[in-house]
Amino acid sequence: MGDAAHTIHPLAGQGVNLGYRDVDALIDVLASARSYGESWASHSVLKRYQTRRMADNFMMQSGMDLFYAGFSNELPPLRILRNMGLMAAQRAGVLKRQALKYALGV
């Protein structure tokens, strides 16, 4: 759970947000298991938690890796692409709000 379950570059401070979402998902999965009389330590219950968190963790980790690679490199073509991407992001109202909501976990 959190940093014990996965590592992420601290560049954008997303590790704690992933940890909060991990805890929220685990509580939900365990509560569901309890209501069905399942053991919290059963393979199927823990697998449901893992499956539930896998896509979000992968997407955030991949995004942060890409973000880090893009901003830690000063190759001219990459710098141009980065600047174009930042300008496009600045003008992408709805998309920008959705990305911020996702990053904040709301």
C-alpha atoms as a PDB file:
ATOM      1  CA  MET A   1       0.000   0.000   0.000  1.00  0.00           C
ATOM      2  CA  GLY A   2       1.333   3.437  -0.863  1.00  0.00           C
ATOM      3  CA  ASP A   3       5.108   3.598  -1.253  1.00  0.00           C
ATOM      4  CA  ALA A   4       5.461   0.058   0.106  1.00  0.00           C
ATOM      5  CA  ALA A   5       3.432  -1.291  -2.826  1.00  0.00           C
ATOM      6  CA  HIS A   6       4.864   0.810  -5.642  1.00  0.00           C
ATOM      7  CA  THR A   7       7.468   3.434  -6.275  1.00  0.00           C
ATOM      8  CA  ILE A   8       6.879   6.668  -8.119  1.00  0.00           C
ATOM      9  CA  HIS A   9       9.127   9.621  -8.809  1.00  0.00           C
ATOM     10  CA  PRO A  10       8.394  12.382  -6.266  1.00  0.00           C
ATOM     11  CA  LEU A  11       8.348  14.968  -9.053  1.00  0.00           C
ATOM     12  CA  ALA A  12       4.653  15.822  -8.789  1.00  0.00           C
ATOM     13  CA  GLY A  13       3.916  14.555  -5.282  1.00  0.00           C
ATOM     14  CA  GLN A  14       1.595  11.821  -6.526  1.00  0.00           C
ATOM     15  CA  GLY A  15       2.881   9.051  -4.249  1.00  0.00           C
ATOM     16  CA  VAL A  16       0.727  10.128  -1.327  1.00  0.00           C
ATOM     17  CA  ASN A  17      -2.332  10.504  -3.562  1.00  0.00           C
ATOM     18  CA  LEU A  18      -1.839   6.952  -4.848  1.00  0.00           C
ATOM     19  CA  GLY A  19      -1.460   5.788  -1.257  1.00  0.00           C
ATOM     20  CA  TYR A  20      -4.768   7.406  -0.282  1.00  0.00           C
ATOM     21  CA  ARG A  21      -6.508   5.760  -3.234  1.00  0.00           C
ATOM     22  CA  ASP A  22      -4.900   2.430  -2.276  1.00  0.00           C
ATOM     23  CA  VAL A  23      -6.302   2.719   1.246  1.00  0.00           C
ATOM     24  CA  ASP A  24      -9.735   3.724  -0.021  1.00  0.00           C
ATOM     25  CA  ALA A  25      -9.848   0.743  -2.389  1.00  0.00           C
ATOM     26  CA  LEU A  26      -8.592  -1.675   0.271  1.00  0.00           C
ATOM     27  CA  ILE A  27     -11.219  -0.531   2.769  1.00  0.00           C
ATOM     28  CA  ASP A  28     -13.924  -0.958   0.146  1.00  0.00           C
ATOM     29  CA  VAL A  29     -12.722  -4.433  -0.889  1.00  0.00           C
ATOM     30  CA  LEU A  30     -12.379  -5.593   2.722  1.00  0.00           C
ATOM     31  CA  ALA A  31     -15.825  -4.252   3.658  1.00  0.00           C
ATOM     32  CA  SER A  32     -17.329  -6.051   0.688  1.00  0.00           C
ATOM     33  CA  ALA A  33     -15.537  -9.278   1.631  1.00  0.00           C
ATOM     34  CA  ARG A  34     -16.785  -8.980   5.195  1.00  0.00           C
ATOM     35  CA  SER A  35     -20.382  -8.519   4.057  1.00  0.00           C
ATOM     36  CA  TYR A  36     -20.102 -11.748   2.028  1.00  0.00           C
ATOM     37  CA  GLY A  37     -18.424 -13.636   4.867  1.00  0.00           C
ATOM     38  CA  GLU A  38     -15.098 -13.959   3.051  1.00  0.00           C
ATOM     39  CA  SER A  39     -11.767 -14.034   4.853  1.00  0.00           C
ATOM     40  CA  TRP A  40      -9.943 -10.731   4.396  1.00  0.00           C
ATOM     41  CA  ALA A  41      -6.710 -12.682   3.828  1.00  0.00           C
ATOM     42  CA  SER A  42      -8.079 -14.936   1.093  1.00  0.00           C
ATOM     43  CA  HIS A  43      -6.337 -14.918  -2.252  1.00  0.00           C
ATOM     44  CA  SER A  44      -9.497 -13.877  -4.086  1.00  0.00           C
ATOM     45  CA  VAL A  45     -10.091 -10.850  -1.842  1.00  0.00           C
ATOM     46  CA  LEU A  46      -6.504  -9.636  -2.114  1.00  0.00           C
ATOM     47  CA  LYS A  47      -6.564 -10.280  -5.870  1.00  0.00           C
ATOM     48  CA  ARG A  48      -9.669  -8.062  -6.182  1.00  0.00           C
ATOM     49  CA  TYR A  49      -7.766  -5.274  -4.435  1.00  0.00           C
ATOM     50  CA  GLN A  50      -4.756  -5.755  -6.704  1.00  0.00           C
ATOM     51  CA  THR A  51      -6.894  -5.787  -9.839  1.00  0.00           C
ATOM     52  CA  ARG A  52      -8.827  -2.723  -8.739  1.00  0.00           C
ATOM     53  CA  ARG A  53      -5.671  -0.652  -8.202  1.00  0.00           C
ATOM     54  CA  MET A  54      -3.520  -1.913 -11.065  1.00  0.00           C
ATOM     55  CA  ALA A  55      -4.729   0.354 -13.898  1.00  0.00           C
ATOM     56  CA  ASP A  56      -4.685   3.566 -11.849  1.00  0.00           C
ATOM     57  CA  ASN A  57      -1.233   2.862 -10.430  1.00  0.00           C
ATOM     58  CA  PHE A  58       0.150   1.944 -13.845  1.00  0.00           C
ATOM     59  CA  MET A  59      -1.306   5.039 -15.489  1.00  0.00           C
ATOM     60  CA  MET A  60       0.016   7.394 -12.802  1.00  0.00           C
ATOM     61  CA  GLN A  61       3.458   5.788 -12.665  1.00  0.00           C
ATOM     62  CA  SER A  62       3.785   5.803 -16.456  1.00  0.00           C
ATOM     63  CA  GLY A  63       2.600   9.396 -16.648  1.00  0.00           C
ATOM     64  CA  MET A  64       5.095  10.545 -14.040  1.00  0.00           C
ATOM     65  CA  ASP A  65       7.916   8.635 -15.756  1.00  0.00           C
ATOM     66  CA  LEU A  66       7.012  10.349 -19.040  1.00  0.00           C
ATOM     67  CA  PHE A  67       6.721  13.711 -17.285  1.00  0.00           C
ATOM     68  CA  TYR A  68      10.153  13.242 -15.696  1.00  0.00           C
ATOM     69  CA  ALA A  69      11.766  12.153 -18.974  1.00  0.00           C
ATOM     70  CA  GLY A  70      10.251  15.105 -20.804  1.00  0.00           C
ATOM     71  CA  PHE A  71      11.305  17.724 -18.283  1.00  0.00           C
ATOM     72  CA  SER A  72      14.751  16.406 -17.406  1.00  0.00           C
ATOM     73  CA  ASN A  73      15.998  16.391 -20.977  1.00  0.00           C
ATOM     74  CA  GLU A  74      17.249  19.462 -22.807  1.00  0.00           C
ATOM     75  CA  LEU A  75      17.488  18.051 -26.342  1.00  0.00           C
ATOM     76  CA  PRO A  76      16.211  20.815 -28.679  1.00  0.00           C
ATOM     77  CA  PRO A  77      13.483  18.713 -30.382  1.00  0.00           C
ATOM     78  CA  LEU A  78      12.219  17.515 -27.013  1.00  0.00           C
ATOM     79  CA  ARG A  79      12.297  21.041 -25.622  1.00  0.00           C
ATOM     80  CA  ILE A  80      10.161  22.224 -28.567  1.00  0.00           C
ATOM     81  CA  LEU A  81       7.667  19.374 -28.057  1.00  0.00           C
ATOM     82  CA  ARG A  82       7.551  20.072 -24.324  1.00  0.00           C
ATOM     83  CA  ASN A  83       6.831  23.776 -24.898  1.00  0.00           C
ATOM     84  CA  MET A  84       4.149  22.978 -27.476  1.00  0.00           C
ATOM     85  CA  GLY A  85       2.583  20.496 -25.060  1.00  0.00           C
ATOM     86  CA  LEU A  86       2.557  23.034 -22.237  1.00  0.00           C
ATOM     87  CA  MET A  87       0.955  25.675 -24.472  1.00  0.00           C
ATOM     88  CA  ALA A  88      -1.704  23.178 -25.618  1.00  0.00           C
ATOM     89  CA  ALA A  89      -2.366  22.090 -22.026  1.00  0.00           C
ATOM     90  CA  GLN A  90      -2.753  25.708 -20.929  1.00  0.00           C
ATOM     91  CA  ARG A  91      -5.490  26.200 -23.536  1.00  0.00           C
ATOM     92  CA  ALA A  92      -7.299  22.879 -23.017  1.00  0.00           C
ATOM     93  CA  GLY A  93      -9.873  24.033 -20.435  1.00  0.00           C
ATOM     94  CA  VAL A  94     -12.034  20.940 -19.860  1.00  0.00           C
ATOM     95  CA  LEU A  95      -9.193  18.481 -20.474  1.00  0.00           C
ATOM     96  CA  LYS A  96      -6.943  20.427 -18.107  1.00  0.00           C
ATOM     97  CA  ARG A  97      -9.596  20.375 -15.353  1.00  0.00           C
ATOM     98  CA  GLN A  98     -10.103  16.621 -15.803  1.00  0.00           C
ATOM     99  CA  ALA A  99      -6.339  15.988 -15.582  1.00  0.00           C
ATOM    100  CA  LEU A 100      -6.133  18.060 -12.402  1.00  0.00           C
ATOM    101  CA  LYS A 101      -9.081  16.213 -10.867  1.00  0.00           C
ATOM    102  CA  TYR A 102      -7.432  12.886 -11.647  1.00  0.00           C
ATOM    103  CA  ALA A 103      -4.086  14.000 -10.200  1.00  0.00           C
ATOM    104  CA  LEU A 104      -5.805  15.219  -7.037  1.00  0.00           C
ATOM    105  CA  GLY A 105      -7.873  12.065  -6.751  1.00  0.00           C
ATOM    106  CA  VAL A 106     -11.242  13.818  -6.769  1.00  0.00           C
END
